[in-house]
Every structure is written in C-alpha cells, then in structure tokens.
Amino acid sequence: MLSLLSLAGCQTDDSHIKEEAPIQERPHSNSGIHLSTEKEIYTASDDEIAVNIENESPMEFSYSDYFAIEKKMNGKWYSVPFKEETFKGIGTLLQPKTSLSQPLSLGRLKKVCPQDNIGL
C-alpha cells in the first residue's frame, strides 16, 4: 500500500465508504517496481496525485489506467468509491531501467476529504 498522509481542512462524512479493501498490506516495491508520490502530503484541495513508477527490473512492466484510493479507518483500509468508474483500460508499457510520473485525478472520487491516511 502506498500511503499518503494528508492534512485536510474539511469535515468528512465517511458513510459512503463501506467496502473493506481486499488487500490490507502492499509493499512500496515489488520485483524491481517502485512506487512513490511526488509529494509526501496531499490535501483535499489537490486535484491529482502524481505517482512515480520506477522499473529497476530487467523486464518490461505493463499496467493500466485503473487505480484505487483507499482510506484507513479504525486500523483497516477501505475503498473510496468513484463518482463513475470511467477507466478506459489503456495499457502502458514501462521499459526496463526507466521511470515515469503518472497523474491520478482525485476529481473522479465521490468525495475527497482525507483527514486520515489514504493509500493508493
């Protein structure tokens, strides 16, 4: 789980967050693929999260445009629902020993007011 700590200046109603995330712990790095964010702290006023994907492996790495934002509440991760799931399923190929920055829009979420830890 790539965790992001946010200091938001708004009140949140978490009643729309009900689905527990199927995987509770994920490493930031796996098989030579490293994930990080450009900023350590994102707030509710941010429009997007910039995720850095680094491929240190000797093989190509492919991924799609699908992402999930999760919020930690009472020690467990829960999926934050989207307004509409409008993923195009477009694949991206990252060559070995290269990296890129991928913007992820927070405007697609039903409500973003992350006063707690949120994860990607």
N, C-alpha and C. Protein backbone atom coordinates (compact mmCIF):
# COMPACT_ATOMS: atom_id res chain seq x y z
N MET A 1 0.85 -1.17 0.00
CA MET A 1 0.00 0.00 0.00
C MET A 1 0.89 1.23 0.00
N LEU A 2 0.71 2.06 -0.96
CA LEU A 2 1.43 3.32 -1.00
C LEU A 2 0.63 4.30 -0.17
N SER A 3 1.12 4.66 1.00
CA SER A 3 0.38 5.51 1.92
C SER A 3 0.69 6.98 1.72
N LEU A 4 -0.32 7.78 1.88
CA LEU A 4 -0.19 9.22 1.78
C LEU A 4 -0.83 9.81 3.02
N LEU A 5 -0.13 10.67 3.72
CA LEU A 5 -0.71 11.34 4.87
C LEU A 5 -1.18 12.71 4.45
N SER A 6 -2.41 13.02 4.75
CA SER A 6 -2.95 14.30 4.30
C SER A 6 -3.49 15.08 5.48
N LEU A 7 -3.29 16.38 5.45
CA LEU A 7 -3.81 17.27 6.47
C LEU A 7 -4.90 18.13 5.83
N ALA A 8 -6.08 17.62 5.77
CA ALA A 8 -7.17 18.33 5.08
C ALA A 8 -7.86 19.28 6.04
N GLY A 9 -8.40 20.33 5.48
CA GLY A 9 -9.10 21.32 6.29
C GLY A 9 -10.60 21.25 6.10
N CYS A 10 -11.16 20.08 6.12
CA CYS A 10 -12.61 19.95 5.95
C CYS A 10 -13.13 18.83 6.84
N GLN A 11 -14.42 18.81 7.05
CA GLN A 11 -15.07 17.75 7.80
C GLN A 11 -15.51 16.67 6.83
N THR A 12 -15.42 15.44 7.23
CA THR A 12 -15.78 14.36 6.33
C THR A 12 -16.89 13.50 6.91
N ASP A 13 -17.73 13.02 6.02
CA ASP A 13 -18.76 12.05 6.36
C ASP A 13 -18.36 10.77 5.64
N ASP A 14 -17.92 9.78 6.38
CA ASP A 14 -17.42 8.55 5.78
C ASP A 14 -18.51 7.50 5.55
N SER A 15 -19.78 7.89 5.60
CA SER A 15 -20.86 6.92 5.44
C SER A 15 -20.87 6.27 4.06
N HIS A 16 -20.27 6.93 3.06
CA HIS A 16 -20.21 6.37 1.70
C HIS A 16 -19.07 5.37 1.54
N ILE A 17 -18.21 5.26 2.54
CA ILE A 17 -17.07 4.33 2.49
C ILE A 17 -17.44 3.10 3.30
N LYS A 18 -17.73 2.00 2.58
CA LYS A 18 -18.22 0.79 3.25
C LYS A 18 -17.43 -0.46 2.90
N GLU A 19 -16.81 -0.47 1.72
CA GLU A 19 -16.17 -1.68 1.22
C GLU A 19 -14.74 -1.79 1.73
N GLU A 20 -14.49 -2.84 2.53
CA GLU A 20 -13.14 -3.07 3.03
C GLU A 20 -12.24 -3.50 1.87
N ALA A 21 -11.05 -2.95 1.79
CA ALA A 21 -10.11 -3.30 0.73
C ALA A 21 -9.72 -4.77 0.85
N PRO A 22 -9.67 -5.49 -0.29
CA PRO A 22 -9.36 -6.93 -0.23
C PRO A 22 -7.93 -7.23 0.22
N ILE A 23 -7.00 -6.30 -0.04
CA ILE A 23 -5.61 -6.49 0.37
C ILE A 23 -5.28 -5.37 1.35
N GLN A 24 -4.90 -5.73 2.56
CA GLN A 24 -4.66 -4.74 3.60
C GLN A 24 -3.22 -4.23 3.64
N GLU A 25 -2.28 -5.00 3.17
CA GLU A 25 -0.87 -4.58 3.18
C GLU A 25 -0.25 -4.81 1.82
N ARG A 26 0.37 -3.78 1.27
CA ARG A 26 1.08 -3.86 -0.01
C ARG A 26 2.42 -3.17 0.16
N PRO A 27 3.47 -3.74 -0.40
CA PRO A 27 4.77 -3.07 -0.32
C PRO A 27 4.85 -1.91 -1.31
N HIS A 28 5.74 -0.96 -1.05
CA HIS A 28 6.00 0.15 -1.98
C HIS A 28 6.83 -0.33 -3.16
N SER A 29 7.46 -1.49 -3.00
CA SER A 29 8.35 -2.01 -4.03
C SER A 29 8.13 -3.52 -4.13
N ASN A 30 8.13 -4.02 -5.39
CA ASN A 30 7.94 -5.45 -5.61
C ASN A 30 8.55 -5.82 -6.94
N SER A 31 9.43 -6.80 -6.95
CA SER A 31 10.05 -7.33 -8.17
C SER A 31 10.73 -6.24 -9.01
N GLY A 32 11.33 -5.26 -8.35
CA GLY A 32 12.04 -4.21 -9.08
C GLY A 32 11.18 -3.04 -9.50
N ILE A 33 9.89 -3.05 -9.19
CA ILE A 33 8.97 -1.94 -9.50
C ILE A 33 8.76 -1.15 -8.21
N HIS A 34 9.08 0.15 -8.25
CA HIS A 34 8.97 1.01 -7.08
C HIS A 34 7.93 2.09 -7.33
N LEU A 35 7.06 2.31 -6.35
CA LEU A 35 6.05 3.37 -6.42
C LEU A 35 6.34 4.41 -5.35
N SER A 36 6.21 5.67 -5.73
CA SER A 36 6.32 6.77 -4.77
C SER A 36 5.45 7.91 -5.28
N THR A 37 5.21 8.88 -4.44
CA THR A 37 4.44 10.05 -4.86
C THR A 37 5.38 11.26 -4.89
N GLU A 38 5.05 12.24 -5.71
CA GLU A 38 5.91 13.41 -5.84
C GLU A 38 5.90 14.25 -4.56
N LYS A 39 4.76 14.28 -3.87
CA LYS A 39 4.69 15.00 -2.60
C LYS A 39 4.39 13.99 -1.50
N GLU A 40 4.86 14.28 -0.31
CA GLU A 40 4.57 13.40 0.82
C GLU A 40 3.18 13.66 1.37
N ILE A 41 2.71 14.91 1.25
CA ILE A 41 1.41 15.29 1.79
C ILE A 41 0.53 15.85 0.68
N TYR A 42 -0.68 15.32 0.57
CA TYR A 42 -1.69 15.84 -0.34
C TYR A 42 -2.88 16.28 0.50
N THR A 43 -3.54 17.34 0.07
CA THR A 43 -4.70 17.84 0.81
C THR A 43 -5.95 17.74 -0.06
N ALA A 44 -7.09 18.04 0.55
CA ALA A 44 -8.36 17.97 -0.17
C ALA A 44 -8.42 18.97 -1.31
N SER A 45 -7.59 19.98 -1.30
CA SER A 45 -7.59 20.97 -2.39
C SER A 45 -6.77 20.52 -3.59
N ASP A 46 -6.01 19.43 -3.46
CA ASP A 46 -5.23 18.91 -4.59
C ASP A 46 -6.16 18.24 -5.60
N ASP A 47 -5.92 18.50 -6.88
CA ASP A 47 -6.74 17.90 -7.94
C ASP A 47 -6.28 16.51 -8.33
N GLU A 48 -5.00 16.24 -8.13
CA GLU A 48 -4.47 14.95 -8.54
C GLU A 48 -3.27 14.56 -7.69
N ILE A 49 -2.97 13.29 -7.74
CA ILE A 49 -1.79 12.73 -7.10
C ILE A 49 -0.84 12.34 -8.22
N ALA A 50 0.41 12.74 -8.10
CA ALA A 50 1.43 12.37 -9.08
C ALA A 50 2.19 11.15 -8.53
N VAL A 51 2.05 10.03 -9.21
CA VAL A 51 2.69 8.79 -8.78
C VAL A 51 3.89 8.51 -9.67
N ASN A 52 5.03 8.32 -9.05
CA ASN A 52 6.25 7.96 -9.78
C ASN A 52 6.36 6.44 -9.82
N ILE A 53 6.54 5.91 -11.01
CA ILE A 53 6.68 4.46 -11.20
C ILE A 53 8.09 4.24 -11.76
N GLU A 54 8.88 3.46 -11.06
CA GLU A 54 10.26 3.21 -11.46
C GLU A 54 10.44 1.71 -11.70
N ASN A 55 10.93 1.38 -12.88
CA ASN A 55 11.16 -0.02 -13.24
C ASN A 55 12.66 -0.30 -13.18
N GLU A 56 13.10 -0.87 -12.08
CA GLU A 56 14.51 -1.23 -11.91
C GLU A 56 14.77 -2.67 -12.33
N SER A 57 13.76 -3.34 -12.82
CA SER A 57 13.90 -4.74 -13.22
C SER A 57 14.48 -4.84 -14.63
N PRO A 58 14.92 -6.03 -15.03
CA PRO A 58 15.44 -6.22 -16.39
C PRO A 58 14.33 -6.49 -17.42
N MET A 59 13.06 -6.46 -16.99
CA MET A 59 11.95 -6.77 -17.89
C MET A 59 11.02 -5.57 -18.05
N GLU A 60 10.24 -5.56 -19.15
CA GLU A 60 9.22 -4.54 -19.34
C GLU A 60 8.13 -4.72 -18.28
N PHE A 61 7.50 -3.62 -17.90
CA PHE A 61 6.41 -3.65 -16.92
C PHE A 61 5.21 -2.99 -17.56
N SER A 62 4.07 -3.67 -17.53
CA SER A 62 2.86 -3.07 -18.10
C SER A 62 1.81 -2.87 -17.01
N TYR A 63 1.03 -1.80 -17.17
CA TYR A 63 -0.04 -1.50 -16.22
C TYR A 63 -1.13 -0.75 -16.96
N SER A 64 -2.31 -0.69 -16.35
CA SER A 64 -3.44 0.01 -16.98
C SER A 64 -3.74 1.31 -16.24
N ASP A 65 -4.74 2.03 -16.71
CA ASP A 65 -5.10 3.31 -16.10
C ASP A 65 -5.98 3.16 -14.86
N TYR A 66 -6.31 1.92 -14.47
CA TYR A 66 -7.14 1.70 -13.28
C TYR A 66 -6.35 1.97 -12.01
N PHE A 67 -6.95 2.66 -11.07
CA PHE A 67 -6.34 2.84 -9.76
C PHE A 67 -7.44 2.86 -8.71
N ALA A 68 -7.06 2.68 -7.47
CA ALA A 68 -8.00 2.74 -6.35
C ALA A 68 -7.39 3.61 -5.27
N ILE A 69 -8.24 4.38 -4.64
CA ILE A 69 -7.83 5.16 -3.47
C ILE A 69 -8.50 4.50 -2.27
N GLU A 70 -7.73 4.30 -1.24
CA GLU A 70 -8.25 3.68 -0.04
C GLU A 70 -7.98 4.58 1.15
N LYS A 71 -8.85 4.51 2.13
CA LYS A 71 -8.72 5.32 3.33
C LYS A 71 -8.62 4.40 4.53
N LYS A 72 -7.69 4.71 5.42
CA LYS A 72 -7.52 3.90 6.62
C LYS A 72 -8.41 4.44 7.72
N MET A 73 -9.30 3.58 8.20
CA MET A 73 -10.22 3.94 9.28
C MET A 73 -10.21 2.80 10.29
N ASN A 74 -10.03 3.14 11.53
CA ASN A 74 -10.02 2.15 12.62
C ASN A 74 -9.05 1.00 12.34
N GLY A 75 -7.90 1.32 11.78
CA GLY A 75 -6.86 0.32 11.55
C GLY A 75 -7.02 -0.54 10.32
N LYS A 76 -8.07 -0.31 9.51
CA LYS A 76 -8.29 -1.09 8.29
C LYS A 76 -8.45 -0.17 7.09
N TRP A 77 -8.07 -0.67 5.89
CA TRP A 77 -8.18 0.08 4.65
C TRP A 77 -9.55 -0.17 4.01
N TYR A 78 -10.20 0.90 3.54
CA TYR A 78 -11.49 0.84 2.87
C TYR A 78 -11.40 1.56 1.53
N SER A 79 -12.08 1.02 0.53
CA SER A 79 -12.09 1.63 -0.81
C SER A 79 -12.96 2.88 -0.81
N VAL A 80 -12.41 3.96 -1.36
CA VAL A 80 -13.17 5.20 -1.54
C VAL A 80 -13.86 5.11 -2.90
N PRO A 81 -15.20 5.18 -2.94
CA PRO A 81 -15.90 5.00 -4.22
C PRO A 81 -15.69 6.16 -5.20
N PHE A 82 -15.81 5.83 -6.48
CA PHE A 82 -15.72 6.81 -7.56
C PHE A 82 -17.11 7.34 -7.87
N LYS A 83 -17.17 8.55 -8.45
CA LYS A 83 -18.43 9.09 -8.95
C LYS A 83 -18.96 8.16 -10.03
N GLU A 84 -18.10 7.86 -10.98
CA GLU A 84 -18.38 6.90 -12.05
C GLU A 84 -17.06 6.20 -12.35
N GLU A 85 -17.12 4.92 -12.58
CA GLU A 85 -15.91 4.19 -12.95
C GLU A 85 -15.72 4.33 -14.45
N THR A 86 -14.90 5.27 -14.84
CA THR A 86 -14.70 5.58 -16.26
C THR A 86 -13.28 5.27 -16.71
N PHE A 87 -12.79 4.12 -16.34
CA PHE A 87 -11.45 3.74 -16.76
C PHE A 87 -11.51 3.22 -18.19
N LYS A 88 -10.54 3.60 -18.99
CA LYS A 88 -10.52 3.22 -20.39
C LYS A 88 -9.81 1.89 -20.63
N GLY A 89 -9.09 1.41 -19.64
CA GLY A 89 -8.37 0.15 -19.80
C GLY A 89 -7.16 0.27 -20.70
N ILE A 90 -6.65 1.48 -20.82
CA ILE A 90 -5.49 1.71 -21.68
C ILE A 90 -4.24 1.21 -20.96
N GLY A 91 -3.47 0.39 -21.65
CA GLY A 91 -2.25 -0.14 -21.08
C GLY A 91 -1.05 0.74 -21.38
N THR A 92 -0.12 0.76 -20.46
CA THR A 92 1.13 1.49 -20.63
C THR A 92 2.28 0.52 -20.39
N LEU A 93 3.31 0.65 -21.18
CA LEU A 93 4.48 -0.22 -21.08
C LEU A 93 5.66 0.62 -20.60
N LEU A 94 6.28 0.18 -19.52
CA LEU A 94 7.45 0.86 -18.97
C LEU A 94 8.67 -0.02 -19.21
N GLN A 95 9.62 0.49 -19.96
CA GLN A 95 10.81 -0.26 -20.32
C GLN A 95 11.70 -0.49 -19.09
N PRO A 96 12.57 -1.52 -19.14
CA PRO A 96 13.49 -1.77 -18.03
C PRO A 96 14.39 -0.56 -17.76
N LYS A 97 14.68 -0.35 -16.49
CA LYS A 97 15.60 0.71 -16.05
C LYS A 97 15.13 2.11 -16.43
N THR A 98 13.81 2.32 -16.49
CA THR A 98 13.24 3.63 -16.77
C THR A 98 12.19 3.97 -15.72
N SER A 99 11.73 5.21 -15.73
CA SER A 99 10.70 5.63 -14.79
C SER A 99 9.80 6.67 -15.46
N LEU A 100 8.65 6.91 -14.86
CA LEU A 100 7.74 7.95 -15.33
C LEU A 100 6.87 8.42 -14.19
N SER A 101 6.21 9.56 -14.40
CA SER A 101 5.27 10.10 -13.43
C SER A 101 3.87 9.99 -14.02
N GLN A 102 2.95 9.41 -13.27
CA GLN A 102 1.59 9.18 -13.73
C GLN A 102 0.63 10.00 -12.87
N PRO A 103 -0.11 10.98 -13.47
CA PRO A 103 -1.08 11.74 -12.67
C PRO A 103 -2.36 10.93 -12.47
N LEU A 104 -2.89 10.98 -11.25
CA LEU A 104 -4.15 10.30 -10.93
C LEU A 104 -5.13 11.34 -10.41
N SER A 105 -6.25 11.51 -11.11
CA SER A 105 -7.22 12.55 -10.79
C SER A 105 -8.04 12.19 -9.56
N LEU A 106 -8.07 13.10 -8.59
CA LEU A 106 -8.90 12.91 -7.40
C LEU A 106 -10.33 13.37 -7.65
N GLY A 107 -10.56 14.09 -8.74
CA GLY A 107 -11.90 14.57 -9.07
C GLY A 107 -12.86 13.46 -9.43
N ARG A 108 -12.35 12.26 -9.69
CA ARG A 108 -13.21 11.13 -10.04
C ARG A 108 -13.81 10.46 -8.81
N LEU A 109 -13.34 10.85 -7.62
CA LEU A 109 -13.86 10.24 -6.40
C LEU A 109 -15.15 10.92 -5.95
N LYS A 110 -16.01 10.17 -5.27
CA LYS A 110 -17.27 10.74 -4.78
C LYS A 110 -17.02 11.90 -3.85
N LYS A 111 -16.08 11.73 -2.93
CA LYS A 111 -15.76 12.82 -2.01
C LYS A 111 -14.32 12.63 -1.55
N VAL A 112 -13.57 13.69 -1.62
CA VAL A 112 -12.18 13.65 -1.15
C VAL A 112 -12.04 14.65 -0.02
N CYS A 113 -11.88 14.15 1.15
CA CYS A 113 -11.60 14.96 2.32
C CYS A 113 -10.75 14.10 3.24
N PRO A 114 -9.57 13.73 2.79
CA PRO A 114 -8.77 12.76 3.51
C PRO A 114 -8.06 13.31 4.74
N GLN A 115 -8.73 13.23 5.89
CA GLN A 115 -8.12 13.68 7.12
C GLN A 115 -7.26 12.57 7.72
N ASP A 116 -7.47 11.35 7.29
CA ASP A 116 -6.70 10.23 7.79
C ASP A 116 -5.71 9.82 6.72
N ASN A 117 -5.05 8.71 6.92
CA ASN A 117 -4.16 8.16 5.90
C ASN A 117 -4.99 7.69 4.72
N ILE A 118 -4.54 8.04 3.51
CA ILE A 118 -5.14 7.47 2.33
C ILE A 118 -4.05 6.73 1.59
N GLY A 119 -4.44 5.73 0.83
CA GLY A 119 -3.46 4.91 0.13
C GLY A 119 -3.87 4.70 -1.30
N LEU A 120 -2.91 4.33 -2.07
CA LEU A 120 -3.09 4.12 -3.49
C LEU A 120 -2.88 2.66 -3.80
